[in-house]
């Protein structure tokens, strides 16, 4: 019944909150 990916949604928020050098 998924309409969200648990893994990818986590990627999305961490891409936004982590410094650009730290996210990779």
PDBML (XML) file of the C-alpha atoms, coordinates in Angstrom:
<?xml version="1.0" encoding="UTF-8" ?>
<PDBx:datablock datablockName="MODEL"
   xmlns:PDBx="http://pdbml.pdb.org/schema/pdbx-v50.xsd"
   xmlns:xsi="http://www.w3.org/2001/XMLSchema-instance"
   xsi:schemaLocation="http://pdbml.pdb.org/schema/pdbx-v50.xsd pdbx-v50.xsd">
   <PDBx:atom_siteCategory>
      <PDBx:atom_site id="1">
         <PDBx:B_iso_or_equiv>0.00</PDBx:B_iso_or_equiv>
         <PDBx:Cartn_x>0.000</PDBx:Cartn_x>
         <PDBx:Cartn_y>0.000</PDBx:Cartn_y>
         <PDBx:Cartn_z>0.000</PDBx:Cartn_z>
         <PDBx:auth_asym_id>A</PDBx:auth_asym_id>
         <PDBx:auth_atom_id>CA</PDBx:auth_atom_id>
         <PDBx:auth_comp_id>UNK</PDBx:auth_comp_id>
         <PDBx:auth_seq_id>1</PDBx:auth_seq_id>
         <PDBx:group_PDB>ATOM</PDBx:group_PDB>
         <PDBx:label_alt_id xsi:nil="true" />
         <PDBx:label_asym_id>A</PDBx:label_asym_id>
         <PDBx:label_atom_id>CA</PDBx:label_atom_id>
         <PDBx:label_comp_id>UNK</PDBx:label_comp_id>
         <PDBx:label_entity_id>1</PDBx:label_entity_id>
         <PDBx:label_seq_id>1</PDBx:label_seq_id>
         <PDBx:occupancy>1.00</PDBx:occupancy>
         <PDBx:pdbx_PDB_model_num>1</PDBx:pdbx_PDB_model_num>
         <PDBx:type_symbol>C</PDBx:type_symbol>
      </PDBx:atom_site>
      <PDBx:atom_site id="2">
         <PDBx:B_iso_or_equiv>0.00</PDBx:B_iso_or_equiv>
         <PDBx:Cartn_x>3.022</PDBx:Cartn_x>
         <PDBx:Cartn_y>2.328</PDBx:Cartn_y>
         <PDBx:Cartn_z>-0.171</PDBx:Cartn_z>
         <PDBx:auth_asym_id>A</PDBx:auth_asym_id>
         <PDBx:auth_atom_id>CA</PDBx:auth_atom_id>
         <PDBx:auth_comp_id>UNK</PDBx:auth_comp_id>
         <PDBx:auth_seq_id>2</PDBx:auth_seq_id>
         <PDBx:group_PDB>ATOM</PDBx:group_PDB>
         <PDBx:label_alt_id xsi:nil="true" />
         <PDBx:label_asym_id>A</PDBx:label_asym_id>
         <PDBx:label_atom_id>CA</PDBx:label_atom_id>
         <PDBx:label_comp_id>UNK</PDBx:label_comp_id>
         <PDBx:label_entity_id>1</PDBx:label_entity_id>
         <PDBx:label_seq_id>2</PDBx:label_seq_id>
         <PDBx:occupancy>1.00</PDBx:occupancy>
         <PDBx:pdbx_PDB_model_num>1</PDBx:pdbx_PDB_model_num>
         <PDBx:type_symbol>C</PDBx:type_symbol>
      </PDBx:atom_site>
      <PDBx:atom_site id="3">
         <PDBx:B_iso_or_equiv>0.00</PDBx:B_iso_or_equiv>
         <PDBx:Cartn_x>2.810</PDBx:Cartn_x>
         <PDBx:Cartn_y>5.759</PDBx:Cartn_y>
         <PDBx:Cartn_z>-1.725</PDBx:Cartn_z>
         <PDBx:auth_asym_id>A</PDBx:auth_asym_id>
         <PDBx:auth_atom_id>CA</PDBx:auth_atom_id>
         <PDBx:auth_comp_id>UNK</PDBx:auth_comp_id>
         <PDBx:auth_seq_id>3</PDBx:auth_seq_id>
         <PDBx:group_PDB>ATOM</PDBx:group_PDB>
         <PDBx:label_alt_id xsi:nil="true" />
         <PDBx:label_asym_id>A</PDBx:label_asym_id>
         <PDBx:label_atom_id>CA</PDBx:label_atom_id>
         <PDBx:label_comp_id>UNK</PDBx:label_comp_id>
         <PDBx:label_entity_id>1</PDBx:label_entity_id>
         <PDBx:label_seq_id>3</PDBx:label_seq_id>
         <PDBx:occupancy>1.00</PDBx:occupancy>
         <PDBx:pdbx_PDB_model_num>1</PDBx:pdbx_PDB_model_num>
         <PDBx:type_symbol>C</PDBx:type_symbol>
      </PDBx:atom_site>
      <PDBx:atom_site id="4">
         <PDBx:B_iso_or_equiv>0.00</PDBx:B_iso_or_equiv>
         <PDBx:Cartn_x>6.048</PDBx:Cartn_x>
         <PDBx:Cartn_y>6.869</PDBx:Cartn_y>
         <PDBx:Cartn_z>-0.065</PDBx:Cartn_z>
         <PDBx:auth_asym_id>A</PDBx:auth_asym_id>
         <PDBx:auth_atom_id>CA</PDBx:auth_atom_id>
         <PDBx:auth_comp_id>UNK</PDBx:auth_comp_id>
         <PDBx:auth_seq_id>4</PDBx:auth_seq_id>
         <PDBx:group_PDB>ATOM</PDBx:group_PDB>
         <PDBx:label_alt_id xsi:nil="true" />
         <PDBx:label_asym_id>A</PDBx:label_asym_id>
         <PDBx:label_atom_id>CA</PDBx:label_atom_id>
         <PDBx:label_comp_id>UNK</PDBx:label_comp_id>
         <PDBx:label_entity_id>1</PDBx:label_entity_id>
         <PDBx:label_seq_id>4</PDBx:label_seq_id>
         <PDBx:occupancy>1.00</PDBx:occupancy>
         <PDBx:pdbx_PDB_model_num>1</PDBx:pdbx_PDB_model_num>
         <PDBx:type_symbol>C</PDBx:type_symbol>
      </PDBx:atom_site>
      <PDBx:atom_site id="5">
         <PDBx:B_iso_or_equiv>0.00</PDBx:B_iso_or_equiv>
         <PDBx:Cartn_x>9.438</PDBx:Cartn_x>
         <PDBx:Cartn_y>5.158</PDBx:Cartn_y>
         <PDBx:Cartn_z>0.040</PDBx:Cartn_z>
         <PDBx:auth_asym_id>A</PDBx:auth_asym_id>
         <PDBx:auth_atom_id>CA</PDBx:auth_atom_id>
         <PDBx:auth_comp_id>UNK</PDBx:auth_comp_id>
         <PDBx:auth_seq_id>5</PDBx:auth_seq_id>
         <PDBx:group_PDB>ATOM</PDBx:group_PDB>
         <PDBx:label_alt_id xsi:nil="true" />
         <PDBx:label_asym_id>A</PDBx:label_asym_id>
         <PDBx:label_atom_id>CA</PDBx:label_atom_id>
         <PDBx:label_comp_id>UNK</PDBx:label_comp_id>
         <PDBx:label_entity_id>1</PDBx:label_entity_id>
         <PDBx:label_seq_id>5</PDBx:label_seq_id>
         <PDBx:occupancy>1.00</PDBx:occupancy>
         <PDBx:pdbx_PDB_model_num>1</PDBx:pdbx_PDB_model_num>
         <PDBx:type_symbol>C</PDBx:type_symbol>
      </PDBx:atom_site>
      <PDBx:atom_site id="6">
         <PDBx:B_iso_or_equiv>0.00</PDBx:B_iso_or_equiv>
         <PDBx:Cartn_x>10.644</PDBx:Cartn_x>
         <PDBx:Cartn_y>5.001</PDBx:Cartn_y>
         <PDBx:Cartn_z>3.654</PDBx:Cartn_z>
         <PDBx:auth_asym_id>A</PDBx:auth_asym_id>
         <PDBx:auth_atom_id>CA</PDBx:auth_atom_id>
         <PDBx:auth_comp_id>UNK</PDBx:auth_comp_id>
         <PDBx:auth_seq_id>6</PDBx:auth_seq_id>
         <PDBx:group_PDB>ATOM</PDBx:group_PDB>
         <PDBx:label_alt_id xsi:nil="true" />
         <PDBx:label_asym_id>A</PDBx:label_asym_id>
         <PDBx:label_atom_id>CA</PDBx:label_atom_id>
         <PDBx:label_comp_id>UNK</PDBx:label_comp_id>
         <PDBx:label_entity_id>1</PDBx:label_entity_id>
         <PDBx:label_seq_id>6</PDBx:label_seq_id>
         <PDBx:occupancy>1.00</PDBx:occupancy>
         <PDBx:pdbx_PDB_model_num>1</PDBx:pdbx_PDB_model_num>
         <PDBx:type_symbol>C</PDBx:type_symbol>
      </PDBx:atom_site>
      <PDBx:atom_site id="7">
         <PDBx:B_iso_or_equiv>0.00</PDBx:B_iso_or_equiv>
         <PDBx:Cartn_x>14.278</PDBx:Cartn_x>
         <PDBx:Cartn_y>4.945</PDBx:Cartn_y>
         <PDBx:Cartn_z>2.483</PDBx:Cartn_z>
         <PDBx:auth_asym_id>A</PDBx:auth_asym_id>
         <PDBx:auth_atom_id>CA</PDBx:auth_atom_id>
         <PDBx:auth_comp_id>UNK</PDBx:auth_comp_id>
         <PDBx:auth_seq_id>7</PDBx:auth_seq_id>
         <PDBx:group_PDB>ATOM</PDBx:group_PDB>
         <PDBx:label_alt_id xsi:nil="true" />
         <PDBx:label_asym_id>A</PDBx:label_asym_id>
         <PDBx:label_atom_id>CA</PDBx:label_atom_id>
         <PDBx:label_comp_id>UNK</PDBx:label_comp_id>
         <PDBx:label_entity_id>1</PDBx:label_entity_id>
         <PDBx:label_seq_id>7</PDBx:label_seq_id>
         <PDBx:occupancy>1.00</PDBx:occupancy>
         <PDBx:pdbx_PDB_model_num>1</PDBx:pdbx_PDB_model_num>
         <PDBx:type_symbol>C</PDBx:type_symbol>
      </PDBx:atom_site>
      <PDBx:atom_site id="8">
         <PDBx:B_iso_or_equiv>0.00</PDBx:B_iso_or_equiv>
         <PDBx:Cartn_x>14.003</PDBx:Cartn_x>
         <PDBx:Cartn_y>7.727</PDBx:Cartn_y>
         <PDBx:Cartn_z>-0.078</PDBx:Cartn_z>
         <PDBx:auth_asym_id>A</PDBx:auth_asym_id>
         <PDBx:auth_atom_id>CA</PDBx:auth_atom_id>
         <PDBx:auth_comp_id>UNK</PDBx:auth_comp_id>
         <PDBx:auth_seq_id>8</PDBx:auth_seq_id>
         <PDBx:group_PDB>ATOM</PDBx:group_PDB>
         <PDBx:label_alt_id xsi:nil="true" />
         <PDBx:label_asym_id>A</PDBx:label_asym_id>
         <PDBx:label_atom_id>CA</PDBx:label_atom_id>
         <PDBx:label_comp_id>UNK</PDBx:label_comp_id>
         <PDBx:label_entity_id>1</PDBx:label_entity_id>
         <PDBx:label_seq_id>8</PDBx:label_seq_id>
         <PDBx:occupancy>1.00</PDBx:occupancy>
         <PDBx:pdbx_PDB_model_num>1</PDBx:pdbx_PDB_model_num>
         <PDBx:type_symbol>C</PDBx:type_symbol>
      </PDBx:atom_site>
      <PDBx:atom_site id="9">
         <PDBx:B_iso_or_equiv>0.00</PDBx:B_iso_or_equiv>
         <PDBx:Cartn_x>11.913</PDBx:Cartn_x>
         <PDBx:Cartn_y>10.034</PDBx:Cartn_y>
         <PDBx:Cartn_z>2.106</PDBx:Cartn_z>
         <PDBx:auth_asym_id>A</PDBx:auth_asym_id>
         <PDBx:auth_atom_id>CA</PDBx:auth_atom_id>
         <PDBx:auth_comp_id>UNK</PDBx:auth_comp_id>
         <PDBx:auth_seq_id>9</PDBx:auth_seq_id>
         <PDBx:group_PDB>ATOM</PDBx:group_PDB>
         <PDBx:label_alt_id xsi:nil="true" />
         <PDBx:label_asym_id>A</PDBx:label_asym_id>
         <PDBx:label_atom_id>CA</PDBx:label_atom_id>
         <PDBx:label_comp_id>UNK</PDBx:label_comp_id>
         <PDBx:label_entity_id>1</PDBx:label_entity_id>
         <PDBx:label_seq_id>9</PDBx:label_seq_id>
         <PDBx:occupancy>1.00</PDBx:occupancy>
         <PDBx:pdbx_PDB_model_num>1</PDBx:pdbx_PDB_model_num>
         <PDBx:type_symbol>C</PDBx:type_symbol>
      </PDBx:atom_site>
      <PDBx:atom_site id="10">
         <PDBx:B_iso_or_equiv>0.00</PDBx:B_iso_or_equiv>
         <PDBx:Cartn_x>14.718</PDBx:Cartn_x>
         <PDBx:Cartn_y>9.859</PDBx:Cartn_y>
         <PDBx:Cartn_z>4.647</PDBx:Cartn_z>
         <PDBx:auth_asym_id>A</PDBx:auth_asym_id>
         <PDBx:auth_atom_id>CA</PDBx:auth_atom_id>
         <PDBx:auth_comp_id>UNK</PDBx:auth_comp_id>
         <PDBx:auth_seq_id>10</PDBx:auth_seq_id>
         <PDBx:group_PDB>ATOM</PDBx:group_PDB>
         <PDBx:label_alt_id xsi:nil="true" />
         <PDBx:label_asym_id>A</PDBx:label_asym_id>
         <PDBx:label_atom_id>CA</PDBx:label_atom_id>
         <PDBx:label_comp_id>UNK</PDBx:label_comp_id>
         <PDBx:label_entity_id>1</PDBx:label_entity_id>
         <PDBx:label_seq_id>10</PDBx:label_seq_id>
         <PDBx:occupancy>1.00</PDBx:occupancy>
         <PDBx:pdbx_PDB_model_num>1</PDBx:pdbx_PDB_model_num>
         <PDBx:type_symbol>C</PDBx:type_symbol>
      </PDBx:atom_site>
      <PDBx:atom_site id="11">
         <PDBx:B_iso_or_equiv>0.00</PDBx:B_iso_or_equiv>
         <PDBx:Cartn_x>17.182</PDBx:Cartn_x>
         <PDBx:Cartn_y>10.749</PDBx:Cartn_y>
         <PDBx:Cartn_z>1.892</PDBx:Cartn_z>
         <PDBx:auth_asym_id>A</PDBx:auth_asym_id>
         <PDBx:auth_atom_id>CA</PDBx:auth_atom_id>
         <PDBx:auth_comp_id>UNK</PDBx:auth_comp_id>
         <PDBx:auth_seq_id>11</PDBx:auth_seq_id>
         <PDBx:group_PDB>ATOM</PDBx:group_PDB>
         <PDBx:label_alt_id xsi:nil="true" />
         <PDBx:label_asym_id>A</PDBx:label_asym_id>
         <PDBx:label_atom_id>CA</PDBx:label_atom_id>
         <PDBx:label_comp_id>UNK</PDBx:label_comp_id>
         <PDBx:label_entity_id>1</PDBx:label_entity_id>
         <PDBx:label_seq_id>11</PDBx:label_seq_id>
         <PDBx:occupancy>1.00</PDBx:occupancy>
         <PDBx:pdbx_PDB_model_num>1</PDBx:pdbx_PDB_model_num>
         <PDBx:type_symbol>C</PDBx:type_symbol>
      </PDBx:atom_site>
      <PDBx:atom_site id="12">
         <PDBx:B_iso_or_equiv>0.00</PDBx:B_iso_or_equiv>
         <PDBx:Cartn_x>15.041</PDBx:Cartn_x>
         <PDBx:Cartn_y>13.764</PDBx:Cartn_y>
         <PDBx:Cartn_z>1.005</PDBx:Cartn_z>
         <PDBx:auth_asym_id>A</PDBx:auth_asym_id>
         <PDBx:auth_atom_id>CA</PDBx:auth_atom_id>
         <PDBx:auth_comp_id>UNK</PDBx:auth_comp_id>
         <PDBx:auth_seq_id>12</PDBx:auth_seq_id>
         <PDBx:group_PDB>ATOM</PDBx:group_PDB>
         <PDBx:label_alt_id xsi:nil="true" />
         <PDBx:label_asym_id>A</PDBx:label_asym_id>
         <PDBx:label_atom_id>CA</PDBx:label_atom_id>
         <PDBx:label_comp_id>UNK</PDBx:label_comp_id>
         <PDBx:label_entity_id>1</PDBx:label_entity_id>
         <PDBx:label_seq_id>12</PDBx:label_seq_id>
         <PDBx:occupancy>1.00</PDBx:occupancy>
         <PDBx:pdbx_PDB_model_num>1</PDBx:pdbx_PDB_model_num>
         <PDBx:type_symbol>C</PDBx:type_symbol>
      </PDBx:atom_site>
      <PDBx:atom_site id="13">
         <PDBx:B_iso_or_equiv>0.00</PDBx:B_iso_or_equiv>
         <PDBx:Cartn_x>14.962</PDBx:Cartn_x>
         <PDBx:Cartn_y>15.339</PDBx:Cartn_y>
         <PDBx:Cartn_z>4.450</PDBx:Cartn_z>
         <PDBx:auth_asym_id>A</PDBx:auth_asym_id>
         <PDBx:auth_atom_id>CA</PDBx:auth_atom_id>
         <PDBx:auth_comp_id>UNK</PDBx:auth_comp_id>
         <PDBx:auth_seq_id>13</PDBx:auth_seq_id>
         <PDBx:group_PDB>ATOM</PDBx:group_PDB>
         <PDBx:label_alt_id xsi:nil="true" />
         <PDBx:label_asym_id>A</PDBx:label_asym_id>
         <PDBx:label_atom_id>CA</PDBx:label_atom_id>
         <PDBx:label_comp_id>UNK</PDBx:label_comp_id>
         <PDBx:label_entity_id>1</PDBx:label_entity_id>
         <PDBx:label_seq_id>13</PDBx:label_seq_id>
         <PDBx:occupancy>1.00</PDBx:occupancy>
         <PDBx:pdbx_PDB_model_num>1</PDBx:pdbx_PDB_model_num>
         <PDBx:type_symbol>C</PDBx:type_symbol>
      </PDBx:atom_site>
      <PDBx:atom_site id="14">
         <PDBx:B_iso_or_equiv>0.00</PDBx:B_iso_or_equiv>
         <PDBx:Cartn_x>18.634</PDBx:Cartn_x>
         <PDBx:Cartn_y>14.650</PDBx:Cartn_y>
         <PDBx:Cartn_z>5.153</PDBx:Cartn_z>
         <PDBx:auth_asym_id>A</PDBx:auth_asym_id>
         <PDBx:auth_atom_id>CA</PDBx:auth_atom_id>
         <PDBx:auth_comp_id>UNK</PDBx:auth_comp_id>
         <PDBx:auth_seq_id>14</PDBx:auth_seq_id>
         <PDBx:group_PDB>ATOM</PDBx:group_PDB>
         <PDBx:label_alt_id xsi:nil="true" />
         <PDBx:label_asym_id>A</PDBx:label_asym_id>
         <PDBx:label_atom_id>CA</PDBx:label_atom_id>
         <PDBx:label_comp_id>UNK</PDBx:label_comp_id>
         <PDBx:label_entity_id>1</PDBx:label_entity_id>
         <PDBx:label_seq_id>14</PDBx:label_seq_id>
         <PDBx:occupancy>1.00</PDBx:occupancy>
         <PDBx:pdbx_PDB_model_num>1</PDBx:pdbx_PDB_model_num>
         <PDBx:type_symbol>C</PDBx:type_symbol>
      </PDBx:atom_site>
      <PDBx:atom_site id="15">
         <PDBx:B_iso_or_equiv>0.00</PDBx:B_iso_or_equiv>
         <PDBx:Cartn_x>19.602</PDBx:Cartn_x>
         <PDBx:Cartn_y>16.230</PDBx:Cartn_y>
         <PDBx:Cartn_z>1.831</PDBx:Cartn_z>
         <PDBx:auth_asym_id>A</PDBx:auth_asym_id>
         <PDBx:auth_atom_id>CA</PDBx:auth_atom_id>
         <PDBx:auth_comp_id>UNK</PDBx:auth_comp_id>
         <PDBx:auth_seq_id>15</PDBx:auth_seq_id>
         <PDBx:group_PDB>ATOM</PDBx:group_PDB>
         <PDBx:label_alt_id xsi:nil="true" />
         <PDBx:label_asym_id>A</PDBx:label_asym_id>
         <PDBx:label_atom_id>CA</PDBx:label_atom_id>
         <PDBx:label_comp_id>UNK</PDBx:label_comp_id>
         <PDBx:label_entity_id>1</PDBx:label_entity_id>
         <PDBx:label_seq_id>15</PDBx:label_seq_id>
         <PDBx:occupancy>1.00</PDBx:occupancy>
         <PDBx:pdbx_PDB_model_num>1</PDBx:pdbx_PDB_model_num>
         <PDBx:type_symbol>C</PDBx:type_symbol>
      </PDBx:atom_site>
      <PDBx:atom_site id="16">
         <PDBx:B_iso_or_equiv>0.00</PDBx:B_iso_or_equiv>
         <PDBx:Cartn_x>17.888</PDBx:Cartn_x>
         <PDBx:Cartn_y>19.384</PDBx:Cartn_y>
         <PDBx:Cartn_z>3.056</PDBx:Cartn_z>
         <PDBx:auth_asym_id>A</PDBx:auth_asym_id>
         <PDBx:auth_atom_id>CA</PDBx:auth_atom_id>
         <PDBx:auth_comp_id>UNK</PDBx:auth_comp_id>
         <PDBx:auth_seq_id>16</PDBx:auth_seq_id>
         <PDBx:group_PDB>ATOM</PDBx:group_PDB>
         <PDBx:label_alt_id xsi:nil="true" />
         <PDBx:label_asym_id>A</PDBx:label_asym_id>
         <PDBx:label_atom_id>CA</PDBx:label_atom_id>
         <PDBx:label_comp_id>UNK</PDBx:label_comp_id>
         <PDBx:label_entity_id>1</PDBx:label_entity_id>
         <PDBx:label_seq_id>16</PDBx:label_seq_id>
         <PDBx:occupancy>1.00</PDBx:occupancy>
         <PDBx:pdbx_PDB_model_num>1</PDBx:pdbx_PDB_model_num>
         <PDBx:type_symbol>C</PDBx:type_symbol>
      </PDBx:atom_site>
      <PDBx:atom_site id="17">
         <PDBx:B_iso_or_equiv>0.00</PDBx:B_iso_or_equiv>
         <PDBx:Cartn_x>19.177</PDBx:Cartn_x>
         <PDBx:Cartn_y>19.559</PDBx:Cartn_y>
         <PDBx:Cartn_z>6.634</PDBx:Cartn_z>
         <PDBx:auth_asym_id>A</PDBx:auth_asym_id>
         <PDBx:auth_atom_id>CA</PDBx:auth_atom_id>
         <PDBx:auth_comp_id>UNK</PDBx:auth_comp_id>
         <PDBx:auth_seq_id>17</PDBx:auth_seq_id>
         <PDBx:group_PDB>ATOM</PDBx:group_PDB>
         <PDBx:label_alt_id xsi:nil="true" />
         <PDBx:label_asym_id>A</PDBx:label_asym_id>
         <PDBx:label_atom_id>CA</PDBx:label_atom_id>
         <PDBx:label_comp_id>UNK</PDBx:label_comp_id>
         <PDBx:label_entity_id>1</PDBx:label_entity_id>
         <PDBx:label_seq_id>17</PDBx:label_seq_id>
         <PDBx:occupancy>1.00</PDBx:occupancy>
         <PDBx:pdbx_PDB_model_num>1</PDBx:pdbx_PDB_model_num>
         <PDBx:type_symbol>C</PDBx:type_symbol>
      </PDBx:atom_site>
      <PDBx:atom_site id="18">
         <PDBx:B_iso_or_equiv>0.00</PDBx:B_iso_or_equiv>
         <PDBx:Cartn_x>22.776</PDBx:Cartn_x>
         <PDBx:Cartn_y>18.351</PDBx:Cartn_y>
         <PDBx:Cartn_z>6.285</PDBx:Cartn_z>
         <PDBx:auth_asym_id>A</PDBx:auth_asym_id>
         <PDBx:auth_atom_id>CA</PDBx:auth_atom_id>
         <PDBx:auth_comp_id>UNK</PDBx:auth_comp_id>
         <PDBx:auth_seq_id>18</PDBx:auth_seq_id>
         <PDBx:group_PDB>ATOM</PDBx:group_PDB>
         <PDBx:label_alt_id xsi:nil="true" />
         <PDBx:label_asym_id>A</PDBx:label_asym_id>
         <PDBx:label_atom_id>CA</PDBx:label_atom_id>
         <PDBx:label_comp_id>UNK</PDBx:label_comp_id>
         <PDBx:label_entity_id>1</PDBx:label_entity_id>
         <PDBx:label_seq_id>18</PDBx:label_seq_id>
         <PDBx:occupancy>1.00</PDBx:occupancy>
         <PDBx:pdbx_PDB_model_num>1</PDBx:pdbx_PDB_model_num>
         <PDBx:type_symbol>C</PDBx:type_symbol>
      </PDBx:atom_site>
      <PDBx:atom_site id="19">
         <PDBx:B_iso_or_equiv>0.00</PDBx:B_iso_or_equiv>
         <PDBx:Cartn_x>25.579</PDBx:Cartn_x>
         <PDBx:Cartn_y>20.622</PDBx:Cartn_y>
         <PDBx:Cartn_z>5.057</PDBx:Cartn_z>
         <PDBx:auth_asym_id>A</PDBx:auth_asym_id>
         <PDBx:auth_atom_id>CA</PDBx:auth_atom_id>
         <PDBx:auth_comp_id>UNK</PDBx:auth_comp_id>
         <PDBx:auth_seq_id>19</PDBx:auth_seq_id>
         <PDBx:group_PDB>ATOM</PDBx:group_PDB>
         <PDBx:label_alt_id xsi:nil="true" />
         <PDBx:label_asym_id>A</PDBx:label_asym_id>
         <PDBx:label_atom_id>CA</PDBx:label_atom_id>
         <PDBx:label_comp_id>UNK</PDBx:label_comp_id>
         <PDBx:label_entity_id>1</PDBx:label_entity_id>
         <PDBx:label_seq_id>19</PDBx:label_seq_id>
         <PDBx:occupancy>1.00</PDBx:occupancy>
         <PDBx:pdbx_PDB_model_num>1</PDBx:pdbx_PDB_model_num>
         <PDBx:type_symbol>C</PDBx:type_symbol>
      </PDBx:atom_site>
      <PDBx:atom_site id="20">
         <PDBx:B_iso_or_equiv>0.00</PDBx:B_iso_or_equiv>
         <PDBx:Cartn_x>26.356</PDBx:Cartn_x>
         <PDBx:Cartn_y>20.016</PDBx:Cartn_y>
         <PDBx:Cartn_z>1.398</PDBx:Cartn_z>
         <PDBx:auth_asym_id>A</PDBx:auth_asym_id>
         <PDBx:auth_atom_id>CA</PDBx:auth_atom_id>
         <PDBx:auth_comp_id>UNK</PDBx:auth_comp_id>
         <PDBx:auth_seq_id>20</PDBx:auth_seq_id>
         <PDBx:group_PDB>ATOM</PDBx:group_PDB>
         <PDBx:label_alt_id xsi:nil="true" />
         <PDBx:label_asym_id>A</PDBx:label_asym_id>
         <PDBx:label_atom_id>CA</PDBx:label_atom_id>
         <PDBx:label_comp_id>UNK</PDBx:label_comp_id>
         <PDBx:label_entity_id>1</PDBx:label_entity_id>
         <PDBx:label_seq_id>20</PDBx:label_seq_id>
         <PDBx:occupancy>1.00</PDBx:occupancy>
         <PDBx:pdbx_PDB_model_num>1</PDBx:pdbx_PDB_model_num>
         <PDBx:type_symbol>C</PDBx:type_symbol>
      </PDBx:atom_site>
      <PDBx:atom_site id="21">
         <PDBx:B_iso_or_equiv>0.00</PDBx:B_iso_or_equiv>
         <PDBx:Cartn_x>29.753</PDBx:Cartn_x>
         <PDBx:Cartn_y>18.549</PDBx:Cartn_y>
         <PDBx:Cartn_z>2.244</PDBx:Cartn_z>
         <PDBx:auth_asym_id>A</PDBx:auth_asym_id>
         <PDBx:auth_atom_id>CA</PDBx:auth_atom_id>
         <PDBx:auth_comp_id>UNK</PDBx:auth_comp_id>
         <PDBx:auth_seq_id>21</PDBx:auth_seq_id>
         <PDBx:group_PDB>ATOM</PDBx:group_PDB>
         <PDBx:label_alt_id xsi:nil="true" />
         <PDBx:label_asym_id>A</PDBx:label_asym_id>
         <PDBx:label_atom_id>CA</PDBx:label_atom_id>
         <PDBx:label_comp_id>UNK</PDBx:label_comp_id>
         <PDBx:label_entity_id>1</PDBx:label_entity_id>
         <PDBx:label_seq_id>21</PDBx:label_seq_id>
         <PDBx:occupancy>1.00</PDBx:occupancy>
         <PDBx:pdbx_PDB_model_num>1</PDBx:pdbx_PDB_model_num>
         <PDBx:type_symbol>C</PDBx:type_symbol>
      </PDBx:atom_site>
      <PDBx:atom_site id="22">
         <PDBx:B_iso_or_equiv>0.00</PDBx:B_iso_or_equiv>
         <PDBx:Cartn_x>28.352</PDBx:Cartn_x>
         <PDBx:Cartn_y>16.232</PDBx:Cartn_y>
         <PDBx:Cartn_z>4.927</PDBx:Cartn_z>
         <PDBx:auth_asym_id>A</PDBx:auth_asym_id>
         <PDBx:auth_atom_id>CA</PDBx:auth_atom_id>
         <PDBx:auth_comp_id>UNK</PDBx:auth_comp_id>
         <PDBx:auth_seq_id>22</PDBx:auth_seq_id>
         <PDBx:group_PDB>ATOM</PDBx:group_PDB>
         <PDBx:label_alt_id xsi:nil="true" />
         <PDBx:label_asym_id>A</PDBx:label_asym_id>
         <PDBx:label_atom_id>CA</PDBx:label_atom_id>
         <PDBx:label_comp_id>UNK</PDBx:label_comp_id>
         <PDBx:label_entity_id>1</PDBx:label_entity_id>
         <PDBx:label_seq_id>22</PDBx:label_seq_id>
         <PDBx:occupancy>1.00</PDBx:occupancy>
         <PDBx:pdbx_PDB_model_num>1</PDBx:pdbx_PDB_model_num>
         <PDBx:type_symbol>C</PDBx:type_symbol>
      </PDBx:atom_site>
      <PDBx:atom_site id="23">
         <PDBx:B_iso_or_equiv>0.00</PDBx:B_iso_or_equiv>
         <PDBx:Cartn_x>25.415</PDBx:Cartn_x>
         <PDBx:Cartn_y>14.724</PDBx:Cartn_y>
         <PDBx:Cartn_z>3.066</PDBx:Cartn_z>
         <PDBx:auth_asym_id>A</PDBx:auth_asym_id>
         <PDBx:auth_atom_id>CA</PDBx:auth_atom_id>
         <PDBx:auth_comp_id>UNK</PDBx:auth_comp_id>
         <PDBx:auth_seq_id>23</PDBx:auth_seq_id>
         <PDBx:group_PDB>ATOM</PDBx:group_PDB>
         <PDBx:label_alt_id xsi:nil="true" />
         <PDBx:label_asym_id>A</PDBx:label_asym_id>
         <PDBx:label_atom_id>CA</PDBx:label_atom_id>
         <PDBx:label_comp_id>UNK</PDBx:label_comp_id>
         <PDBx:label_entity_id>1</PDBx:label_entity_id>
         <PDBx:label_seq_id>23</PDBx:label_seq_id>
         <PDBx:occupancy>1.00</PDBx:occupancy>
         <PDBx:pdbx_PDB_model_num>1</PDBx:pdbx_PDB_model_num>
         <PDBx:type_symbol>C</PDBx:type_symbol>
      </PDBx:atom_site>
      <PDBx:atom_site id="24">
         <PDBx:B_iso_or_equiv>0.00</PDBx:B_iso_or_equiv>
         <PDBx:Cartn_x>27.511</PDBx:Cartn_x>
         <PDBx:Cartn_y>12.598</PDBx:Cartn_y>
         <PDBx:Cartn_z>0.639</PDBx:Cartn_z>
         <PDBx:auth_asym_id>A</PDBx:auth_asym_id>
         <PDBx:auth_atom_id>CA</PDBx:auth_atom_id>
         <PDBx:auth_comp_id>UNK</PDBx:auth_comp_id>
         <PDBx:auth_seq_id>24</PDBx:auth_seq_id>
         <PDBx:group_PDB>ATOM</PDBx:group_PDB>
         <PDBx:label_alt_id xsi:nil="true" />
         <PDBx:label_asym_id>A</PDBx:label_asym_id>
         <PDBx:label_atom_id>CA</PDBx:label_atom_id>
         <PDBx:label_comp_id>UNK</PDBx:label_comp_id>
         <PDBx:label_entity_id>1</PDBx:label_entity_id>
         <PDBx:label_seq_id>24</PDBx:label_seq_id>
         <PDBx:occupancy>1.00</PDBx:occupancy>
         <PDBx:pdbx_PDB_model_num>1</PDBx:pdbx_PDB_model_num>
         <PDBx:type_symbol>C</PDBx:type_symbol>
      </PDBx:atom_site>
   </PDBx:atom_siteCategory>
</PDBx:datablock>
